């Protein structure tokens, strides 16, 4: 079984590489269900609706000098969708995901014996396109 190494994965928003990424998650949506049950049906019947690619979240170590993290804040304020690219470092088939998303929130948190951390939450709009590219 081939595994994809997450170490070295990069994420860009509007061509700005986001630094300080600790982890990422997302591309977690699902298609809706369309109820096509009629009075002739003997049980509920469905058809698959449009695909929803869900959300994408970055966990970050906050860096006020990072241009990618600043771009997340800029896009949140602009309330417009951005081009996002998630690139895995391995030379595997379909290792780059490109999608459009808008930034819903960017947070910051901290505590004793820790650095400032945060999350960036995005909503994907449209399709995710996987391609074979070298990061």
Protein backbone atom coordinates (compact mmCIF):
# COMPACT_ATOMS: atom_id res chain seq x y z
CA UNK A 1 0.00 0.00 0.00
CA UNK A 2 1.35 3.41 -0.96
CA UNK A 3 1.03 6.16 1.59
CA UNK A 4 1.20 9.89 1.02
CA UNK A 5 3.68 11.69 3.26
CA UNK A 6 2.02 14.80 4.77
CA UNK A 7 5.37 16.29 5.83
CA UNK A 8 6.28 18.94 3.28
CA UNK A 9 2.71 19.56 2.12
CA UNK A 10 2.12 23.17 1.08
CA UNK A 11 -1.00 25.32 0.84
CA UNK A 12 -1.35 28.51 -1.17
CA UNK A 13 -4.14 31.06 -1.34
CA UNK A 14 -4.09 33.46 -4.29
CA UNK A 15 -0.51 32.30 -5.01
CA UNK A 16 0.67 33.19 -1.47
CA UNK A 17 2.18 30.23 0.40
CA UNK A 18 0.79 29.99 3.92
CA UNK A 19 3.53 29.34 6.49
CA UNK A 20 3.30 27.87 9.96
CA UNK A 21 0.88 25.07 9.04
CA UNK A 22 0.73 22.37 11.71
CA UNK A 23 -2.10 20.33 10.21
CA UNK A 24 -4.91 20.50 7.68
CA UNK A 25 -8.24 18.80 7.14
CA UNK A 26 -11.14 19.05 4.77
CA UNK A 27 -12.45 18.32 1.31
CA UNK A 28 -15.05 16.61 3.46
CA UNK A 29 -18.36 17.41 1.81
CA UNK A 30 -20.85 15.08 0.28
CA UNK A 31 -23.53 15.13 -2.38
CA UNK A 32 -27.06 15.95 -1.35
CA UNK A 33 -29.95 13.47 -1.59
CA UNK A 34 -32.88 14.31 -3.85
CA UNK A 35 -36.10 12.64 -2.77
CA UNK A 36 -37.84 11.16 -5.82
CA UNK A 37 -40.41 9.13 -3.90
CA UNK A 38 -43.86 9.01 -5.51
CA UNK A 39 -47.20 7.61 -4.42
CA UNK A 40 -46.34 4.50 -6.49
CA UNK A 41 -43.12 3.89 -4.51
CA UNK A 42 -42.93 0.97 -2.08
CA UNK A 43 -40.06 2.61 -0.18
CA UNK A 44 -38.26 5.95 -0.14
CA UNK A 45 -36.35 6.57 -3.38
CA UNK A 46 -33.48 8.98 -3.96
CA UNK A 47 -31.21 10.34 -6.61
CA UNK A 48 -27.81 11.86 -5.95
CA UNK A 49 -27.72 15.64 -6.03
CA UNK A 50 -24.84 18.02 -6.66
CA UNK A 51 -21.50 17.37 -5.01
CA UNK A 52 -20.60 19.63 -2.09
CA UNK A 53 -16.86 19.55 -1.36
CA UNK A 54 -17.39 20.94 2.13
CA UNK A 55 -14.82 22.84 4.10
CA UNK A 56 -11.07 23.12 4.51
CA UNK A 57 -9.27 23.97 7.75
CA UNK A 58 -5.68 24.87 8.51
CA UNK A 59 -4.20 24.68 12.00
CA UNK A 60 -1.44 27.28 12.27
CA UNK A 61 1.33 28.59 14.45
CA UNK A 62 0.51 32.29 14.04
CA UNK A 63 3.20 34.47 12.46
CA UNK A 64 2.38 38.17 11.97
CA UNK A 65 5.12 38.42 9.31
CA UNK A 66 3.88 35.55 7.14
CA UNK A 67 2.43 36.85 3.85
CA UNK A 68 0.24 33.76 3.40
CA UNK A 69 -1.35 34.16 6.83
CA UNK A 70 -1.88 37.85 6.04
CA UNK A 71 -3.58 36.79 2.78
CA UNK A 72 -6.00 34.63 4.78
CA UNK A 73 -6.99 37.71 6.80
CA UNK A 74 -7.25 39.84 3.65
CA UNK A 75 -9.53 37.32 1.93
CA UNK A 76 -11.69 37.00 5.04
CA UNK A 77 -12.21 40.77 5.04
CA UNK A 78 -12.80 40.86 1.25
CA UNK A 79 -15.52 38.19 1.48
CA UNK A 80 -14.58 36.80 -1.93
CA UNK A 81 -13.57 33.34 -3.06
CA UNK A 82 -9.87 32.68 -3.60
CA UNK A 83 -7.89 30.13 -5.58
CA UNK A 84 -6.44 27.56 -3.17
CA UNK A 85 -3.86 24.88 -3.94
CA UNK A 86 -2.96 21.97 -1.66
CA UNK A 87 0.23 20.23 -2.84
CA UNK A 88 1.50 16.96 -1.43
CA UNK A 89 5.28 16.51 -1.72
CA UNK A 90 5.29 12.93 -2.97
CA UNK A 91 5.64 12.02 -6.60
CA UNK A 92 2.27 10.26 -6.68
CA UNK A 93 -0.59 10.42 -9.11
CA UNK A 94 -3.00 13.30 -8.48
CA UNK A 95 -0.97 14.98 -5.73
CA UNK A 96 -2.27 18.57 -6.17
CA UNK A 97 -5.80 19.73 -5.29
CA UNK A 98 -6.94 23.09 -6.69
CA UNK A 99 -10.18 24.66 -5.52
CA UNK A 100 -11.97 27.92 -4.87
CA UNK A 101 -12.89 28.81 -1.29
CA UNK A 102 -13.78 31.76 0.85
CA UNK A 103 -12.23 32.32 4.28
CA UNK A 104 -14.92 32.18 6.96
CA UNK A 105 -12.73 32.70 10.03
CA UNK A 106 -9.16 33.09 11.22
CA UNK A 107 -8.59 32.62 14.94
CA UNK A 108 -5.78 32.99 17.43
CA UNK A 109 -5.26 31.26 20.77
CA UNK A 110 -2.46 30.84 23.27
CA UNK A 111 -1.57 29.55 26.71
CA UNK A 112 1.15 28.88 29.22
CA UNK A 113 4.31 27.37 27.68
CA UNK A 114 2.92 27.68 24.18
CA UNK A 115 3.09 29.93 21.14
CA UNK A 116 0.19 31.73 19.52
CA UNK A 117 -1.78 29.26 17.44
CA UNK A 118 -4.92 29.50 15.38
CA UNK A 119 -7.12 28.04 12.71
CA UNK A 120 -8.30 29.24 9.33
CA UNK A 121 -11.68 27.87 8.27
CA UNK A 122 -12.70 27.98 4.62
CA UNK A 123 -15.81 26.95 2.67
CA UNK A 124 -15.17 25.36 -0.72
CA UNK A 125 -17.28 26.66 -3.59
CA UNK A 126 -17.39 24.67 -6.82
CA UNK A 127 -15.34 21.60 -7.68
CA UNK A 128 -12.00 20.34 -6.45
CA UNK A 129 -9.66 19.46 -9.32
CA UNK A 130 -6.89 16.92 -8.66
CA UNK A 131 -3.89 17.01 -10.95
CA UNK A 132 -0.50 15.44 -11.43
CA UNK A 133 2.03 18.18 -10.76
CA UNK A 134 5.41 18.42 -9.15
CA UNK A 135 5.22 20.75 -6.13
